[in-house]
Amino acid sequence: MLKYLISAKRGRAKNLLLIKLLPKQEMLFFVYVLGSQRKNDRRTYVGWTTDIERRLQRHNTGLGAKSTRGRKWILLYSERCKTRSAAMSREWYIKRDRAFRATLRGAIRPD
């Protein structure tokens, strides 16, 4: 269904414009868990983003969160959320779910 907006410039009826409003493109939000191993030290990192591939690349080049710098990270888990708020809420929940993160940590394989 197309929507239209009629606007008047300077209040003159002869200057009415018919503007086609395109459907709002739905933005995607993701919650993700990264994993890293250095010797016997396995770590996970939880975050949210709109572009998982770009975010993983930033973490691996040292431009991500300070706690992820200097390590090689792999994507262990991700889920899509409808809103930014939902992604942030889910991130908060996953950060506190120690059993889930421990399960994911166990899936990290040595290089």
C-alpha atoms as a PDB file:
ATOM      1  CA  MET A   1       0.000   0.000   0.000  1.00  0.00           C
ATOM      2  CA  LEU A   2       1.444   3.351  -1.013  1.00  0.00           C
ATOM      3  CA  LYS A   3       1.060   6.382   1.175  1.00  0.00           C
ATOM      4  CA  TYR A   4       1.087   9.958  -0.007  1.00  0.00           C
ATOM      5  CA  LEU A   5       1.797  13.209   1.750  1.00  0.00           C
ATOM      6  CA  ILE A   6       0.380  16.468   0.467  1.00  0.00           C
ATOM      7  CA  SER A   7       2.393  19.528   1.391  1.00  0.00           C
ATOM      8  CA  ALA A   8       1.862  23.173   0.619  1.00  0.00           C
ATOM      9  CA  LYS A   9       4.703  25.609   0.082  1.00  0.00           C
ATOM     10  CA  ARG A  10       4.062  28.944   1.732  1.00  0.00           C
ATOM     11  CA  GLY A  11       0.380  28.127   2.113  1.00  0.00           C
ATOM     12  CA  ARG A  12      -0.483  28.540  -1.588  1.00  0.00           C
ATOM     13  CA  ALA A  13      -2.839  25.944  -2.982  1.00  0.00           C
ATOM     14  CA  LYS A  14      -1.324  26.111  -6.461  1.00  0.00           C
ATOM     15  CA  ASN A  15       1.992  24.924  -5.028  1.00  0.00           C
ATOM     16  CA  LEU A  16       0.647  21.673  -3.608  1.00  0.00           C
ATOM     17  CA  LEU A  17       3.042  18.779  -4.004  1.00  0.00           C
ATOM     18  CA  LEU A  18       2.121  15.144  -4.010  1.00  0.00           C
ATOM     19  CA  ILE A  19       4.985  13.205  -2.436  1.00  0.00           C
ATOM     20  CA  LYS A  20       5.080   9.436  -2.595  1.00  0.00           C
ATOM     21  CA  LEU A  21       6.163   7.944   0.733  1.00  0.00           C
ATOM     22  CA  LEU A  22       8.039   4.701   0.308  1.00  0.00           C
ATOM     23  CA  PRO A  23       7.592   1.964   2.864  1.00  0.00           C
ATOM     24  CA  LYS A  24      10.096   2.347   5.666  1.00  0.00           C
ATOM     25  CA  GLN A  25      12.936  -0.121   5.194  1.00  0.00           C
ATOM     26  CA  GLU A  26      13.058  -2.419   8.174  1.00  0.00           C
ATOM     27  CA  MET A  27      16.376  -2.217   9.965  1.00  0.00           C
ATOM     28  CA  LEU A  28      17.756  -5.449  11.347  1.00  0.00           C
ATOM     29  CA  PHE A  29      19.376  -5.761  14.751  1.00  0.00           C
ATOM     30  CA  PHE A  30      21.439  -8.700  15.935  1.00  0.00           C
ATOM     31  CA  VAL A  31      22.713  -9.994  19.257  1.00  0.00           C
ATOM     32  CA  TYR A  32      25.912 -11.989  18.908  1.00  0.00           C
ATOM     33  CA  VAL A  33      28.362 -14.000  20.984  1.00  0.00           C
ATOM     34  CA  LEU A  34      32.006 -14.148  19.947  1.00  0.00           C
ATOM     35  CA  GLY A  35      34.535 -16.684  21.169  1.00  0.00           C
ATOM     36  CA  SER A  36      38.301 -16.601  21.482  1.00  0.00           C
ATOM     37  CA  GLN A  37      40.949 -19.002  22.759  1.00  0.00           C
ATOM     38  CA  ARG A  38      44.522 -18.339  23.777  1.00  0.00           C
ATOM     39  CA  LYS A  39      46.236 -21.428  25.234  1.00  0.00           C
ATOM     40  CA  ASN A  40      43.764 -22.664  27.907  1.00  0.00           C
ATOM     41  CA  ASP A  41      41.997 -19.292  28.224  1.00  0.00           C
ATOM     42  CA  ARG A  42      38.623 -19.369  26.463  1.00  0.00           C
ATOM     43  CA  ARG A  43      36.559 -16.196  26.461  1.00  0.00           C
ATOM     44  CA  THR A  44      33.218 -15.028  25.141  1.00  0.00           C
ATOM     45  CA  TYR A  45      32.044 -11.537  24.283  1.00  0.00           C
ATOM     46  CA  VAL A  46      28.386 -10.536  23.904  1.00  0.00           C
ATOM     47  CA  GLY A  47      27.228  -7.521  21.902  1.00  0.00           C
ATOM     48  CA  TRP A  48      24.584  -6.186  19.517  1.00  0.00           C
ATOM     49  CA  THR A  49      24.911  -4.688  16.048  1.00  0.00           C
ATOM     50  CA  THR A  50      23.156  -4.031  12.750  1.00  0.00           C
ATOM     51  CA  ASP A  51      25.905  -5.730  10.679  1.00  0.00           C
ATOM     52  CA  ILE A  52      27.502  -8.865  12.134  1.00  0.00           C
ATOM     53  CA  GLU A  53      30.228  -9.335   9.508  1.00  0.00           C
ATOM     54  CA  ARG A  54      31.432  -5.732   9.778  1.00  0.00           C
ATOM     55  CA  ARG A  55      31.350  -5.892  13.590  1.00  0.00           C
ATOM     56  CA  LEU A  56      33.368  -9.133  13.725  1.00  0.00           C
ATOM     57  CA  GLN A  57      35.930  -7.615  11.375  1.00  0.00           C
ATOM     58  CA  ARG A  58      36.223  -4.546  13.622  1.00  0.00           C
ATOM     59  CA  HIS A  59      36.776  -6.748  16.688  1.00  0.00           C
ATOM     60  CA  ASN A  60      39.488  -8.718  14.882  1.00  0.00           C
ATOM     61  CA  THR A  61      41.303  -5.583  13.676  1.00  0.00           C
ATOM     62  CA  GLY A  62      41.409  -4.046  17.166  1.00  0.00           C
ATOM     63  CA  LEU A  63      38.692  -1.445  16.510  1.00  0.00           C
ATOM     64  CA  GLY A  64      35.983  -3.134  18.563  1.00  0.00           C
ATOM     65  CA  ALA A  65      35.423  -3.046  22.304  1.00  0.00           C
ATOM     66  CA  LYS A  66      38.553  -2.597  24.388  1.00  0.00           C
ATOM     67  CA  SER A  67      38.135  -6.020  26.015  1.00  0.00           C
ATOM     68  CA  THR A  68      38.301  -7.741  22.596  1.00  0.00           C
ATOM     69  CA  ARG A  69      41.551  -6.202  21.368  1.00  0.00           C
ATOM     70  CA  GLY A  70      44.554  -8.407  20.679  1.00  0.00           C
ATOM     71  CA  ARG A  71      42.593 -11.624  20.223  1.00  0.00           C
ATOM     72  CA  LYS A  72      41.239 -13.579  17.251  1.00  0.00           C
ATOM     73  CA  TRP A  73      37.442 -13.867  17.532  1.00  0.00           C
ATOM     74  CA  ILE A  74      34.976 -16.224  15.893  1.00  0.00           C
ATOM     75  CA  LEU A  75      31.200 -15.977  15.790  1.00  0.00           C
ATOM     76  CA  LEU A  76      29.647 -18.583  18.088  1.00  0.00           C
ATOM     77  CA  TYR A  77      26.019 -17.473  18.154  1.00  0.00           C
ATOM     78  CA  SER A  78      23.711 -14.798  16.763  1.00  0.00           C
ATOM     79  CA  GLU A  79      20.012 -14.027  16.764  1.00  0.00           C
ATOM     80  CA  ARG A  80      17.952 -11.407  14.972  1.00  0.00           C
ATOM     81  CA  CYS A  81      15.801  -8.914  16.865  1.00  0.00           C
ATOM     82  CA  LYS A  82      13.067  -6.624  15.551  1.00  0.00           C
ATOM     83  CA  THR A  83      14.127  -3.493  17.420  1.00  0.00           C
ATOM     84  CA  ARG A  84      17.239  -1.931  18.886  1.00  0.00           C
ATOM     85  CA  SER A  85      15.631  -2.074  22.305  1.00  0.00           C
ATOM     86  CA  ALA A  86      14.918  -5.797  21.949  1.00  0.00           C
ATOM     87  CA  ALA A  87      18.526  -6.444  20.892  1.00  0.00           C
ATOM     88  CA  MET A  88      19.891  -4.499  23.852  1.00  0.00           C
ATOM     89  CA  SER A  89      17.549  -6.317  26.229  1.00  0.00           C
ATOM     90  CA  ARG A  90      18.549  -9.712  24.827  1.00  0.00           C
ATOM     91  CA  GLU A  91      22.241  -8.760  25.075  1.00  0.00           C
ATOM     92  CA  TRP A  92      21.733  -7.950  28.767  1.00  0.00           C
ATOM     93  CA  TYR A  93      20.054 -11.324  29.321  1.00  0.00           C
ATOM     94  CA  ILE A  94      22.723 -13.352  27.484  1.00  0.00           C
ATOM     95  CA  LYS A  95      25.541 -11.590  29.355  1.00  0.00           C
ATOM     96  CA  ARG A  96      24.038 -12.854  32.598  1.00  0.00           C
ATOM     97  CA  ASP A  97      23.254 -16.388  31.385  1.00  0.00           C
ATOM     98  CA  ARG A  98      26.447 -18.078  32.570  1.00  0.00           C
ATOM     99  CA  ALA A  99      25.332 -21.600  31.670  1.00  0.00           C
ATOM    100  CA  PHE A 100      24.621 -20.625  28.066  1.00  0.00           C
ATOM    101  CA  ARG A 101      27.953 -18.820  27.713  1.00  0.00           C
ATOM    102  CA  ALA A 102      29.785 -21.788  29.272  1.00  0.00           C
ATOM    103  CA  THR A 103      28.182 -24.089  26.697  1.00  0.00           C
ATOM    104  CA  LEU A 104      29.328 -21.788  23.897  1.00  0.00           C
ATOM    105  CA  ARG A 105      32.822 -21.531  25.403  1.00  0.00           C
ATOM    106  CA  GLY A 106      33.036 -25.320  25.255  1.00  0.00           C
ATOM    107  CA  ALA A 107      32.398 -25.163  21.499  1.00  0.00           C
ATOM    108  CA  ILE A 108      35.567 -23.121  20.846  1.00  0.00           C
ATOM    109  CA  ARG A 109      38.105 -25.351  19.144  1.00  0.00           C
ATOM    110  CA  PRO A 110      41.885 -24.779  19.301  1.00  0.00           C
ATOM    111  CA  ASP A 111      43.483 -23.287  16.196  1.00  0.00           C
END
